[in-house]
Amino acid sequence: MSALLIFGLILAILAVIFTLQNSAEITINLFFWEIQNAPMALVILCCIALGYFAAVIYLYPKIWNLKSENKKLAKANSVLDEKLAAIQARLKSEEDDHPLGIEMGKMDENFSLFNDL
């Protein structure tokens, strides 16, 4: 079983226990409305849900901006990876041309190490 499914089942069991333990009926007054005989557990769970949705609505623009910034950075990262691969390929080809890593100039036909003698 996946961890998310197990977490959901545990959460559902806790919600049922919470509902059974808080079955008292209360009266809710909101401005001009009055709701009588509302189960306390239902009221508390509705308040939690409203708080969750309010937070999601408040934070959604920030999440959207972060996602778009993440896409831009991922695109820039892929461009830099391509440039790095090209540079590494060029350096590898240069190393293949010069096994010691030092480029030797073209030697003259008349050049000799013992010219000074």
C-alpha atoms as a PDB file:
ATOM      1  CA  MET A   1       0.000   0.000   0.000  1.00  0.00           C
ATOM      2  CA  SER A   2       1.185   3.470  -0.686  1.00  0.00           C
ATOM      3  CA  ALA A   3       2.009   5.820   2.142  1.00  0.00           C
ATOM      4  CA  LEU A   4      -0.577   8.331   0.918  1.00  0.00           C
ATOM      5  CA  LEU A   5      -3.370   5.745   1.108  1.00  0.00           C
ATOM      6  CA  ILE A   6      -2.336   4.710   4.623  1.00  0.00           C
ATOM      7  CA  PHE A   7      -2.194   8.359   5.692  1.00  0.00           C
ATOM      8  CA  GLY A   8      -5.689   8.934   4.239  1.00  0.00           C
ATOM      9  CA  LEU A   9      -7.114   5.925   6.078  1.00  0.00           C
ATOM     10  CA  ILE A  10      -5.599   7.047   9.388  1.00  0.00           C
ATOM     11  CA  LEU A  11      -6.968  10.544   8.837  1.00  0.00           C
ATOM     12  CA  ALA A  12     -10.444   9.162   8.066  1.00  0.00           C
ATOM     13  CA  ILE A  13     -10.412   7.015  11.214  1.00  0.00           C
ATOM     14  CA  LEU A  14      -9.379  10.029  13.302  1.00  0.00           C
ATOM     15  CA  ALA A  15     -12.166  12.106  11.730  1.00  0.00           C
ATOM     16  CA  VAL A  16     -14.762   9.446  12.638  1.00  0.00           C
ATOM     17  CA  ILE A  17     -13.463   9.268  16.230  1.00  0.00           C
ATOM     18  CA  PHE A  18     -13.531  13.068  16.451  1.00  0.00           C
ATOM     19  CA  THR A  19     -17.111  13.170  15.139  1.00  0.00           C
ATOM     20  CA  LEU A  20     -18.318  10.534  17.584  1.00  0.00           C
ATOM     21  CA  GLN A  21     -16.714  12.263  20.567  1.00  0.00           C
ATOM     22  CA  ASN A  22     -18.021  15.729  19.641  1.00  0.00           C
ATOM     23  CA  SER A  23     -21.634  15.049  18.796  1.00  0.00           C
ATOM     24  CA  ALA A  24     -23.064  17.912  20.866  1.00  0.00           C
ATOM     25  CA  GLU A  25     -25.407  20.256  19.052  1.00  0.00           C
ATOM     26  CA  ILE A  26     -24.701  23.981  19.097  1.00  0.00           C
ATOM     27  CA  THR A  27     -26.259  27.167  17.765  1.00  0.00           C
ATOM     28  CA  ILE A  28     -24.265  29.267  15.313  1.00  0.00           C
ATOM     29  CA  ASN A  29     -24.902  33.009  14.976  1.00  0.00           C
ATOM     30  CA  LEU A  30     -23.373  34.754  11.967  1.00  0.00           C
ATOM     31  CA  PHE A  31     -24.507  38.324  11.316  1.00  0.00           C
ATOM     32  CA  PHE A  32     -28.243  37.980  10.701  1.00  0.00           C
ATOM     33  CA  TRP A  33     -28.337  34.196  10.393  1.00  0.00           C
ATOM     34  CA  GLU A  34     -28.876  31.719  13.137  1.00  0.00           C
ATOM     35  CA  ILE A  35     -28.267  28.015  12.628  1.00  0.00           C
ATOM     36  CA  GLN A  36     -29.664  25.884  15.429  1.00  0.00           C
ATOM     37  CA  ASN A  37     -28.829  22.296  16.324  1.00  0.00           C
ATOM     38  CA  ALA A  38     -25.639  22.104  14.217  1.00  0.00           C
ATOM     39  CA  PRO A  39     -23.286  19.269  15.205  1.00  0.00           C
ATOM     40  CA  MET A  40     -20.152  20.695  16.791  1.00  0.00           C
ATOM     41  CA  ALA A  41     -17.871  18.276  14.908  1.00  0.00           C
ATOM     42  CA  LEU A  42     -19.353  19.352  11.584  1.00  0.00           C
ATOM     43  CA  VAL A  43     -18.881  23.019  12.440  1.00  0.00           C
ATOM     44  CA  ILE A  44     -15.238  22.473  13.451  1.00  0.00           C
ATOM     45  CA  LEU A  45     -14.460  20.400  10.339  1.00  0.00           C
ATOM     46  CA  CYS A  46     -16.116  23.037   8.124  1.00  0.00           C
ATOM     47  CA  CYS A  47     -14.021  25.764   9.781  1.00  0.00           C
ATOM     48  CA  ILE A  48     -10.842  23.746   9.154  1.00  0.00           C
ATOM     49  CA  ALA A  49     -11.825  23.226   5.500  1.00  0.00           C
ATOM     50  CA  LEU A  50     -12.602  26.941   5.038  1.00  0.00           C
ATOM     51  CA  GLY A  51      -9.257  27.859   6.560  1.00  0.00           C
ATOM     52  CA  TYR A  52      -7.475  25.459   4.224  1.00  0.00           C
ATOM     53  CA  PHE A  53      -9.211  26.849   1.136  1.00  0.00           C
ATOM     54  CA  ALA A  54      -8.570  30.439   2.243  1.00  0.00           C
ATOM     55  CA  ALA A  55      -4.858  29.660   2.564  1.00  0.00           C
ATOM     56  CA  VAL A  56      -4.786  27.977  -0.844  1.00  0.00           C
ATOM     57  CA  ILE A  57      -6.526  30.918  -2.503  1.00  0.00           C
ATOM     58  CA  TYR A  58      -4.192  33.374  -0.766  1.00  0.00           C
ATOM     59  CA  LEU A  59      -1.010  31.489  -1.686  1.00  0.00           C
ATOM     60  CA  TYR A  60      -1.960  30.394  -5.229  1.00  0.00           C
ATOM     61  CA  PRO A  61      -0.453  33.480  -6.985  1.00  0.00           C
ATOM     62  CA  LYS A  62       2.858  32.933  -5.154  1.00  0.00           C
ATOM     63  CA  ILE A  63       2.838  29.246  -6.102  1.00  0.00           C
ATOM     64  CA  TRP A  64       2.099  30.170  -9.723  1.00  0.00           C
ATOM     65  CA  ASN A  65       5.005  32.654  -9.799  1.00  0.00           C
ATOM     66  CA  LEU A  66       7.370  30.112  -8.278  1.00  0.00           C
ATOM     67  CA  LYS A  67       6.364  27.498 -10.857  1.00  0.00           C
ATOM     68  CA  SER A  68       6.972  29.894 -13.754  1.00  0.00           C
ATOM     69  CA  GLU A  69      10.321  30.933 -12.270  1.00  0.00           C
ATOM     70  CA  ASN A  70      11.216  27.264 -11.855  1.00  0.00           C
ATOM     71  CA  LYS A  71      10.443  26.631 -15.549  1.00  0.00           C
ATOM     72  CA  LYS A  72      12.632  29.580 -16.596  1.00  0.00           C
ATOM     73  CA  LEU A  73      15.506  28.384 -14.419  1.00  0.00           C
ATOM     74  CA  ALA A  74      15.161  24.826 -15.721  1.00  0.00           C
ATOM     75  CA  LYS A  75      15.338  26.127 -19.289  1.00  0.00           C
ATOM     76  CA  ALA A  76      18.411  28.242 -18.469  1.00  0.00           C
ATOM     77  CA  ASN A  77      19.977  25.246 -16.735  1.00  0.00           C
ATOM     78  CA  SER A  78      19.474  23.062 -19.811  1.00  0.00           C
ATOM     79  CA  VAL A  79      21.098  25.729 -22.006  1.00  0.00           C
ATOM     80  CA  LEU A  80      24.064  25.908 -19.626  1.00  0.00           C
ATOM     81  CA  ASP A  81      24.324  22.103 -19.585  1.00  0.00           C
ATOM     82  CA  GLU A  82      24.482  22.084 -23.384  1.00  0.00           C
ATOM     83  CA  LYS A  83      27.214  24.747 -23.356  1.00  0.00           C
ATOM     84  CA  LEU A  84      29.156  22.809 -20.725  1.00  0.00           C
ATOM     85  CA  ALA A  85      28.902  19.620 -22.790  1.00  0.00           C
ATOM     86  CA  ALA A  86      30.168  21.494 -25.865  1.00  0.00           C
ATOM     87  CA  ILE A  87      33.094  22.949 -23.913  1.00  0.00           C
ATOM     88  CA  GLN A  88      33.974  19.560 -22.434  1.00  0.00           C
ATOM     89  CA  ALA A  89      33.825  17.962 -25.897  1.00  0.00           C
ATOM     90  CA  ARG A  90      36.114  20.671 -27.283  1.00  0.00           C
ATOM     91  CA  LEU A  91      38.580  20.226 -24.419  1.00  0.00           C
ATOM     92  CA  LYS A  92      38.546  16.464 -24.899  1.00  0.00           C
ATOM     93  CA  SER A  93      39.283  16.826 -28.605  1.00  0.00           C
ATOM     94  CA  GLU A  94      42.145  19.209 -27.798  1.00  0.00           C
ATOM     95  CA  GLU A  95      43.536  16.702 -25.287  1.00  0.00           C
ATOM     96  CA  ASP A  96      43.420  14.004 -27.962  1.00  0.00           C
ATOM     97  CA  ASP A  97      45.516  16.203 -30.262  1.00  0.00           C
ATOM     98  CA  HIS A  98      48.118  16.903 -27.577  1.00  0.00           C
ATOM     99  CA  PRO A  99      48.621  13.926 -25.301  1.00  0.00           C
ATOM    100  CA  LEU A 100      50.735  15.860 -22.809  1.00  0.00           C
ATOM    101  CA  GLY A 101      48.451  18.862 -22.862  1.00  0.00           C
ATOM    102  CA  ILE A 102      51.190  21.082 -24.411  1.00  0.00           C
ATOM    103  CA  GLU A 103      50.994  22.184 -27.988  1.00  0.00           C
ATOM    104  CA  MET A 104      54.304  21.994 -29.714  1.00  0.00           C
ATOM    105  CA  GLY A 105      55.053  24.470 -32.444  1.00  0.00           C
ATOM    106  CA  LYS A 106      56.059  23.332 -35.919  1.00  0.00           C
ATOM    107  CA  MET A 107      59.686  22.456 -36.061  1.00  0.00           C
ATOM    108  CA  ASP A 108      61.923  23.894 -38.761  1.00  0.00           C
ATOM    109  CA  GLU A 109      63.774  21.407 -40.894  1.00  0.00           C
ATOM    110  CA  ASN A 110      67.047  23.101 -39.973  1.00  0.00           C
ATOM    111  CA  PHE A 111      66.388  23.023 -36.256  1.00  0.00           C
ATOM    112  CA  SER A 112      68.705  20.973 -34.171  1.00  0.00           C
ATOM    113  CA  LEU A 113      69.217  20.756 -30.465  1.00  0.00           C
ATOM    114  CA  PHE A 114      72.937  20.894 -31.026  1.00  0.00           C
ATOM    115  CA  ASN A 115      73.133  24.099 -33.120  1.00  0.00           C
ATOM    116  CA  ASP A 116      75.145  25.795 -30.418  1.00  0.00           C
ATOM    117  CA  LEU A 117      78.041  23.387 -30.739  1.00  0.00           C
END
